[in-house]
Structures are given as structure tokens and as C-alpha cells.
Amino acid sequence: MTNNPLLEPIHGISLYDYSAANARLANNVPVEDVCKALGIEQPVWEEVNDLWVKRMQEDGEFVVATQMGNYFAQADQHPKLGSLKAAAAAADQGNLQQLAADRYFYEELNGAREAAYEAGLDGAQWILENYGISLGDFQQVAMQWSQVMQQEGYETMNQYLQYRQEKKDEYAARFAEEQGGNVADDIEF
């Protein structure tokens, strides 16, 4: 993998840099702060971003995208970007900690996000507005729980998935009520 030209840095920005930068951007860190930490100007970042995306599109074996996902999950360990955080309230940090520690809370917010999308809302934005958890933070915790799920037996995993579905149904009813009904309620067959 080290000899793969698709993994070579672009304008000095490695795939690890690029992945960690995207993790920070997904966590609402301003692009100016990311560029400053990387020691580049914003136009350079824009070109780097375009070129990394192009490489992923050219990569028929998905090596770049796979490695990017691994690096994205390790963004907190990046030497230049790991400490960059968006300003967040203490309550928001508490919600993030609960998401990482409480599987039921994680499954509830997954159900809420799915229900929001199905109701025509931006589920990630809804979680950010109501719990202060950015999409990037949510996805990092999701990767953590994904590793746990791989070790669970079918019964345990099914129990959590049933709980998620119950919460999804509850939130779907809530969103429908808030919107005056479901999106397709007026369609007759």
C-alpha cells in the first residue's frame, strides 16, 4: 500500500492530514482554522480537496476511501489537527460522552436521525440543534459502536436494533405531529 501513487501527498497534505481535516470540518471547526493548522491557504485546501476526491473516484479498489475512513476515526490523534475543536457548550460535551458510553442513547439518536430523514428533515442537523453533537462526532462514535457490534451475538445485536426501531417509530410520530402529518398522508391510491 505504501507504493500506491494514489496515496501520495497532494501539495504536502497526506491522506491522514486530509482525513483529519475533514473530520474537523464535519465537527464544525471553521475551514480557516483547519488551513491555519495545516499551514496552507484556503485556495490550496480547495485544490487539495478536489484532488483527493478525484483520486477516490479513480480508485477502483477503494484503497483511498477505506484508508480515509480509518484515518477519519483517528482524527483526535493527528499531531496538528487533533486538538482543534469547535466551541461547544458543556451540555453538548455531556451528550457526546453519553453517546459514547450509553448504547441505548446511541441507538435512540440513530432512530431519531432516521425518522427525521424520513420526515423530510436533516437528521444530522436535528441532532446538532437538539443535542449539540456534530455529524463528525456522531460518526466517530458510530465507528466505536460498530466495533462493539461485530463482537456481539445475534441476540444482543437484535435487542439493540429493536430498541432503535421503537425509538424511530416514536420520533416518526413526533415529527409527523409537529409537521401536521406525514409527508405522504395526502396521497391516495
C-alpha atoms as a PDB file:
ATOM      1  CA  MET A   1       0.000   0.000   0.000  1.00  0.00           C
ATOM      2  CA  THR A   2       2.926   2.358   0.586  1.00  0.00           C
ATOM      3  CA  ASN A   3       3.844   2.169  -3.125  1.00  0.00           C
ATOM      4  CA  ASN A   4       0.367   3.171  -4.267  1.00  0.00           C
ATOM      5  CA  PRO A   5       0.630   6.523  -6.116  1.00  0.00           C
ATOM      6  CA  LEU A   6      -2.964   7.322  -5.136  1.00  0.00           C
ATOM      7  CA  LEU A   7      -1.776   7.581  -1.520  1.00  0.00           C
ATOM      8  CA  GLU A   8       0.982  10.117  -2.196  1.00  0.00           C
ATOM      9  CA  PRO A   9       0.527  13.546  -0.519  1.00  0.00           C
ATOM     10  CA  ILE A  10      -1.020  16.363  -2.526  1.00  0.00           C
ATOM     11  CA  HIS A  11       0.704  19.730  -2.037  1.00  0.00           C
ATOM     12  CA  GLY A  12       2.237  18.260   1.113  1.00  0.00           C
ATOM     13  CA  ILE A  13      -1.137  17.171   2.509  1.00  0.00           C
ATOM     14  CA  SER A  14      -1.164  13.437   3.239  1.00  0.00           C
ATOM     15  CA  LEU A  15      -4.312  11.338   3.270  1.00  0.00           C
ATOM     16  CA  TYR A  16      -4.062  11.346   7.069  1.00  0.00           C
ATOM     17  CA  ASP A  17      -3.977  15.166   7.047  1.00  0.00           C
ATOM     18  CA  TYR A  18      -6.868  15.293   4.599  1.00  0.00           C
ATOM     19  CA  SER A  19      -8.961  12.806   6.592  1.00  0.00           C
ATOM     20  CA  ALA A  20      -8.343  14.541   9.920  1.00  0.00           C
ATOM     21  CA  ALA A  21      -9.135  17.907   8.319  1.00  0.00           C
ATOM     22  CA  ASN A  22     -12.456  16.561   7.066  1.00  0.00           C
ATOM     23  CA  ALA A  23     -13.225  15.158  10.500  1.00  0.00           C
ATOM     24  CA  ARG A  24     -12.657  18.605  11.965  1.00  0.00           C
ATOM     25  CA  LEU A  25     -14.768  20.287   9.291  1.00  0.00           C
ATOM     26  CA  ALA A  26     -17.560  17.790   9.994  1.00  0.00           C
ATOM     27  CA  ASN A  27     -17.296  18.858  13.637  1.00  0.00           C
ATOM     28  CA  ASN A  28     -17.948  22.493  12.723  1.00  0.00           C
ATOM     29  CA  VAL A  29     -14.352  23.668  13.005  1.00  0.00           C
ATOM     30  CA  PRO A  30     -14.021  26.625  10.606  1.00  0.00           C
ATOM     31  CA  VAL A  31     -12.067  25.913   7.415  1.00  0.00           C
ATOM     32  CA  GLU A  32      -9.810  28.878   8.251  1.00  0.00           C
ATOM     33  CA  ASP A  33      -8.719  27.151  11.469  1.00  0.00           C
ATOM     34  CA  VAL A  34      -8.057  23.872   9.641  1.00  0.00           C
ATOM     35  CA  CYS A  35      -5.973  25.647   6.982  1.00  0.00           C
ATOM     36  CA  LYS A  36      -4.010  27.544   9.606  1.00  0.00           C
ATOM     37  CA  ALA A  37      -3.225  24.335  11.499  1.00  0.00           C
ATOM     38  CA  LEU A  38      -2.058  22.685   8.258  1.00  0.00           C
ATOM     39  CA  GLY A  39      -0.023  25.755   7.283  1.00  0.00           C
ATOM     40  CA  ILE A  40      -1.809  26.314   3.969  1.00  0.00           C
ATOM     41  CA  GLU A  41      -4.053  28.932   2.415  1.00  0.00           C
ATOM     42  CA  GLN A  42      -7.722  28.220   1.725  1.00  0.00           C
ATOM     43  CA  PRO A  43      -7.319  28.075  -2.107  1.00  0.00           C
ATOM     44  CA  VAL A  44      -4.670  25.373  -1.612  1.00  0.00           C
ATOM     45  CA  TRP A  45      -7.089  23.468   0.627  1.00  0.00           C
ATOM     46  CA  GLU A  46      -9.807  23.703  -2.029  1.00  0.00           C
ATOM     47  CA  GLU A  47      -7.484  22.249  -4.662  1.00  0.00           C
ATOM     48  CA  VAL A  48      -6.247  19.530  -2.297  1.00  0.00           C
ATOM     49  CA  ASN A  49      -9.858  18.638  -1.519  1.00  0.00           C
ATOM     50  CA  ASP A  50     -10.769  18.421  -5.222  1.00  0.00           C
ATOM     51  CA  LEU A  51      -7.724  16.273  -5.988  1.00  0.00           C
ATOM     52  CA  TRP A  52      -8.280  13.826  -3.107  1.00  0.00           C
ATOM     53  CA  VAL A  53     -11.903  13.410  -4.229  1.00  0.00           C
ATOM     54  CA  LYS A  54     -10.679  12.771  -7.772  1.00  0.00           C
ATOM     55  CA  ARG A  55      -8.262  10.128  -6.503  1.00  0.00           C
ATOM     56  CA  MET A  56     -11.051   8.362  -4.648  1.00  0.00           C
ATOM     57  CA  GLN A  57     -13.110   8.327  -7.822  1.00  0.00           C
ATOM     58  CA  GLU A  58     -10.180   6.828  -9.753  1.00  0.00           C
ATOM     59  CA  ASP A  59      -9.521   4.157  -7.116  1.00  0.00           C
ATOM     60  CA  GLY A  60     -11.383   1.070  -8.300  1.00  0.00           C
ATOM     61  CA  GLU A  61     -10.145  -0.938  -5.320  1.00  0.00           C
ATOM     62  CA  PHE A  62     -11.366   1.643  -2.752  1.00  0.00           C
ATOM     63  CA  VAL A  63      -7.983   1.738  -1.012  1.00  0.00           C
ATOM     64  CA  VAL A  64      -8.072   5.532  -0.604  1.00  0.00           C
ATOM     65  CA  ALA A  65     -11.633   5.649   0.734  1.00  0.00           C
ATOM     66  CA  THR A  66     -11.010   2.753   3.119  1.00  0.00           C
ATOM     67  CA  GLN A  67      -7.844   4.295   4.484  1.00  0.00           C
ATOM     68  CA  MET A  68      -9.571   7.672   4.722  1.00  0.00           C
ATOM     69  CA  GLY A  69     -12.260   6.109   6.929  1.00  0.00           C
ATOM     70  CA  ASN A  70      -9.597   4.657   9.202  1.00  0.00           C
ATOM     71  CA  TYR A  71      -7.803   7.981   9.451  1.00  0.00           C
ATOM     72  CA  PHE A  72     -11.081   9.865   9.969  1.00  0.00           C
ATOM     73  CA  ALA A  73     -11.704   7.771  13.071  1.00  0.00           C
ATOM     74  CA  GLN A  74      -8.196   8.642  14.330  1.00  0.00           C
ATOM     75  CA  ALA A  75      -8.523  12.394  13.831  1.00  0.00           C
ATOM     76  CA  ASP A  76      -8.147  13.125  17.542  1.00  0.00           C
ATOM     77  CA  GLN A  77      -4.624  11.683  17.361  1.00  0.00           C
ATOM     78  CA  HIS A  78      -3.476  13.885  14.460  1.00  0.00           C
ATOM     79  CA  PRO A  79      -0.476  15.991  15.603  1.00  0.00           C
ATOM     80  CA  LYS A  80      -1.674  19.243  14.005  1.00  0.00           C
ATOM     81  CA  LEU A  81      -5.454  18.831  13.940  1.00  0.00           C
ATOM     82  CA  GLY A  82      -6.192  16.552  16.891  1.00  0.00           C
ATOM     83  CA  SER A  83      -6.700  19.347  19.380  1.00  0.00           C
ATOM     84  CA  LEU A  84      -8.836  21.539  17.089  1.00  0.00           C
ATOM     85  CA  LYS A  85     -12.377  21.655  18.387  1.00  0.00           C
ATOM     86  CA  ALA A  86     -15.352  23.821  17.616  1.00  0.00           C
ATOM     87  CA  ALA A  87     -16.680  25.817  20.510  1.00  0.00           C
ATOM     88  CA  ALA A  88     -19.230  23.631  22.287  1.00  0.00           C
ATOM     89  CA  ALA A  89     -21.288  24.030  25.398  1.00  0.00           C
ATOM     90  CA  ALA A  90     -20.593  21.806  28.391  1.00  0.00           C
ATOM     91  CA  ALA A  91     -24.031  20.214  27.961  1.00  0.00           C
ATOM     92  CA  ASP A  92     -23.114  19.277  24.379  1.00  0.00           C
ATOM     93  CA  GLN A  93     -19.930  17.566  25.586  1.00  0.00           C
ATOM     94  CA  GLY A  94     -22.021  15.679  28.129  1.00  0.00           C
ATOM     95  CA  ASN A  95     -24.312  14.464  25.351  1.00  0.00           C
ATOM     96  CA  LEU A  96     -21.320  13.350  23.300  1.00  0.00           C
ATOM     97  CA  GLN A  97     -19.876  11.474  26.274  1.00  0.00           C
ATOM     98  CA  GLN A  98     -23.242   9.829  26.899  1.00  0.00           C
ATOM     99  CA  LEU A  99     -23.448   8.843  23.212  1.00  0.00           C
ATOM    100  CA  ALA A 100     -20.073   7.102  23.507  1.00  0.00           C
ATOM    101  CA  ALA A 101     -20.874   5.380  26.804  1.00  0.00           C
ATOM    102  CA  ASP A 102     -24.597   4.561  26.609  1.00  0.00           C
ATOM    103  CA  ARG A 103     -25.597   2.172  23.843  1.00  0.00           C
ATOM    104  CA  TYR A 104     -29.301   2.847  24.352  1.00  0.00           C
ATOM    105  CA  PHE A 105     -28.759   6.603  23.942  1.00  0.00           C
ATOM    106  CA  TYR A 106     -26.745   5.923  20.786  1.00  0.00           C
ATOM    107  CA  GLU A 107     -29.500   3.721  19.358  1.00  0.00           C
ATOM    108  CA  GLU A 108     -32.169   6.275  20.295  1.00  0.00           C
ATOM    109  CA  LEU A 109     -30.388   9.055  18.427  1.00  0.00           C
ATOM    110  CA  ASN A 110     -29.850   6.736  15.460  1.00  0.00           C
ATOM    111  CA  GLY A 111     -33.593   6.086  15.389  1.00  0.00           C
ATOM    112  CA  ALA A 112     -34.324   9.799  15.720  1.00  0.00           C
ATOM    113  CA  ARG A 113     -31.963  10.647  12.881  1.00  0.00           C
ATOM    114  CA  GLU A 114     -33.520   8.021  10.589  1.00  0.00           C
ATOM    115  CA  ALA A 115     -37.036   9.222  11.442  1.00  0.00           C
ATOM    116  CA  ALA A 116     -36.035  12.826  10.794  1.00  0.00           C
ATOM    117  CA  TYR A 117     -34.683  11.987   7.347  1.00  0.00           C
ATOM    118  CA  GLU A 118     -37.848  10.057   6.501  1.00  0.00           C
ATOM    119  CA  ALA A 119     -39.912  13.055   7.639  1.00  0.00           C
ATOM    120  CA  GLY A 120     -38.015  15.291   5.230  1.00  0.00           C
ATOM    121  CA  LEU A 121     -35.767  16.844   7.887  1.00  0.00           C
ATOM    122  CA  ASP A 122     -31.973  16.886   8.005  1.00  0.00           C
ATOM    123  CA  GLY A 123     -31.392  14.256  10.689  1.00  0.00           C
ATOM    124  CA  ALA A 124     -27.782  15.238  11.325  1.00  0.00           C
ATOM    125  CA  GLN A 125     -28.773  18.888  11.697  1.00  0.00           C
ATOM    126  CA  TRP A 126     -31.614  17.918  14.041  1.00  0.00           C
ATOM    127  CA  ILE A 127     -29.171  16.078  16.322  1.00  0.00           C
ATOM    128  CA  LEU A 128     -26.774  19.030  16.229  1.00  0.00           C
ATOM    129  CA  GLU A 129     -29.535  21.503  17.115  1.00  0.00           C
ATOM    130  CA  ASN A 130     -31.084  19.366  19.851  1.00  0.00           C
ATOM    131  CA  TYR A 131     -28.050  17.630  21.359  1.00  0.00           C
ATOM    132  CA  GLY A 132     -25.066  19.645  20.154  1.00  0.00           C
ATOM    133  CA  ILE A 133     -23.491  16.562  18.557  1.00  0.00           C
ATOM    134  CA  SER A 134     -21.999  17.212  15.141  1.00  0.00           C
ATOM    135  CA  LEU A 135     -22.159  14.703  12.312  1.00  0.00           C
ATOM    136  CA  GLY A 136     -18.418  14.129  12.563  1.00  0.00           C
ATOM    137  CA  ASP A 137     -18.561  13.377  16.281  1.00  0.00           C
ATOM    138  CA  PHE A 138     -21.585  11.151  15.766  1.00  0.00           C
ATOM    139  CA  GLN A 139     -19.800   9.188  13.047  1.00  0.00           C
ATOM    140  CA  GLN A 140     -16.705   8.717  15.192  1.00  0.00           C
ATOM    141  CA  VAL A 141     -18.852   7.260  17.973  1.00  0.00           C
ATOM    142  CA  ALA A 142     -20.696   5.142  15.388  1.00  0.00           C
ATOM    143  CA  MET A 143     -17.393   3.583  14.375  1.00  0.00           C
ATOM    144  CA  GLN A 144     -16.724   2.750  18.021  1.00  0.00           C
ATOM    145  CA  TRP A 145     -20.118   1.070  18.403  1.00  0.00           C
ATOM    146  CA  SER A 146     -19.629  -0.703  15.068  1.00  0.00           C
ATOM    147  CA  GLN A 147     -16.582  -2.448  16.506  1.00  0.00           C
ATOM    148  CA  VAL A 148     -18.610  -3.494  19.557  1.00  0.00           C
ATOM    149  CA  MET A 149     -21.415  -4.796  17.321  1.00  0.00           C
ATOM    150  CA  GLN A 150     -19.003  -7.021  15.439  1.00  0.00           C
ATOM    151  CA  GLN A 151     -18.259  -8.830  18.685  1.00  0.00           C
ATOM    152  CA  GLU A 152     -21.854  -9.175  19.853  1.00  0.00           C
ATOM    153  CA  GLY A 153     -24.015 -12.191  19.334  1.00  0.00           C
ATOM    154  CA  TYR A 154     -27.128 -12.062  17.188  1.00  0.00           C
ATOM    155  CA  GLU A 155     -29.479 -11.858  20.179  1.00  0.00           C
ATOM    156  CA  THR A 156     -27.737  -8.849  21.719  1.00  0.00           C
ATOM    157  CA  MET A 157     -27.465  -7.021  18.414  1.00  0.00           C
ATOM    158  CA  ASN A 158     -31.108  -7.745  17.618  1.00  0.00           C
ATOM    159  CA  GLN A 159     -32.157  -6.371  21.019  1.00  0.00           C
ATOM    160  CA  TYR A 160     -30.483  -3.040  20.275  1.00  0.00           C
ATOM    161  CA  LEU A 161     -31.856  -2.907  16.729  1.00  0.00           C
ATOM    162  CA  GLN A 162     -35.378  -3.489  18.055  1.00  0.00           C
ATOM    163  CA  TYR A 163     -34.861  -0.672  20.544  1.00  0.00           C
ATOM    164  CA  ARG A 164     -33.654   1.586  17.713  1.00  0.00           C
ATOM    165  CA  GLN A 165     -36.781   0.754  15.698  1.00  0.00           C
ATOM    166  CA  GLU A 166     -39.041   1.519  18.665  1.00  0.00           C
ATOM    167  CA  LYS A 167     -37.359   4.907  19.097  1.00  0.00           C
ATOM    168  CA  LYS A 168     -37.528   5.552  15.360  1.00  0.00           C
ATOM    169  CA  ASP A 169     -41.287   4.912  15.451  1.00  0.00           C
ATOM    170  CA  GLU A 170     -41.691   7.255  18.438  1.00  0.00           C
ATOM    171  CA  TYR A 171     -39.745  10.040  16.733  1.00  0.00           C
ATOM    172  CA  ALA A 172     -41.578   9.474  13.447  1.00  0.00           C
ATOM    173  CA  ALA A 173     -44.885  10.043  15.253  1.00  0.00           C
ATOM    174  CA  ARG A 174     -43.438  13.144  16.945  1.00  0.00           C
ATOM    175  CA  PHE A 175     -42.153  14.625  13.678  1.00  0.00           C
ATOM    176  CA  ALA A 176     -45.442  13.856  11.917  1.00  0.00           C
ATOM    177  CA  GLU A 177     -47.372  15.615  14.679  1.00  0.00           C
ATOM    178  CA  GLU A 178     -45.052  18.631  14.569  1.00  0.00           C
ATOM    179  CA  GLN A 179     -45.474  18.860  10.786  1.00  0.00           C
ATOM    180  CA  GLY A 180     -49.223  18.322  10.793  1.00  0.00           C
ATOM    181  CA  GLY A 181     -48.980  14.780   9.387  1.00  0.00           C
ATOM    182  CA  ASN A 182     -46.656  12.657   7.346  1.00  0.00           C
ATOM    183  CA  VAL A 183     -45.325  13.837   4.003  1.00  0.00           C
ATOM    184  CA  ALA A 184     -47.385  11.305   2.013  1.00  0.00           C
ATOM    185  CA  ASP A 185     -50.593  11.422   4.084  1.00  0.00           C
ATOM    186  CA  ASP A 186     -52.465  13.280   1.338  1.00  0.00           C
ATOM    187  CA  ILE A 187     -51.653  10.749  -1.385  1.00  0.00           C
ATOM    188  CA  GLU A 188     -54.445   8.336  -2.251  1.00  0.00           C
ATOM    189  CA  PHE A 189     -54.033   5.119  -4.213  1.00  0.00           C
END
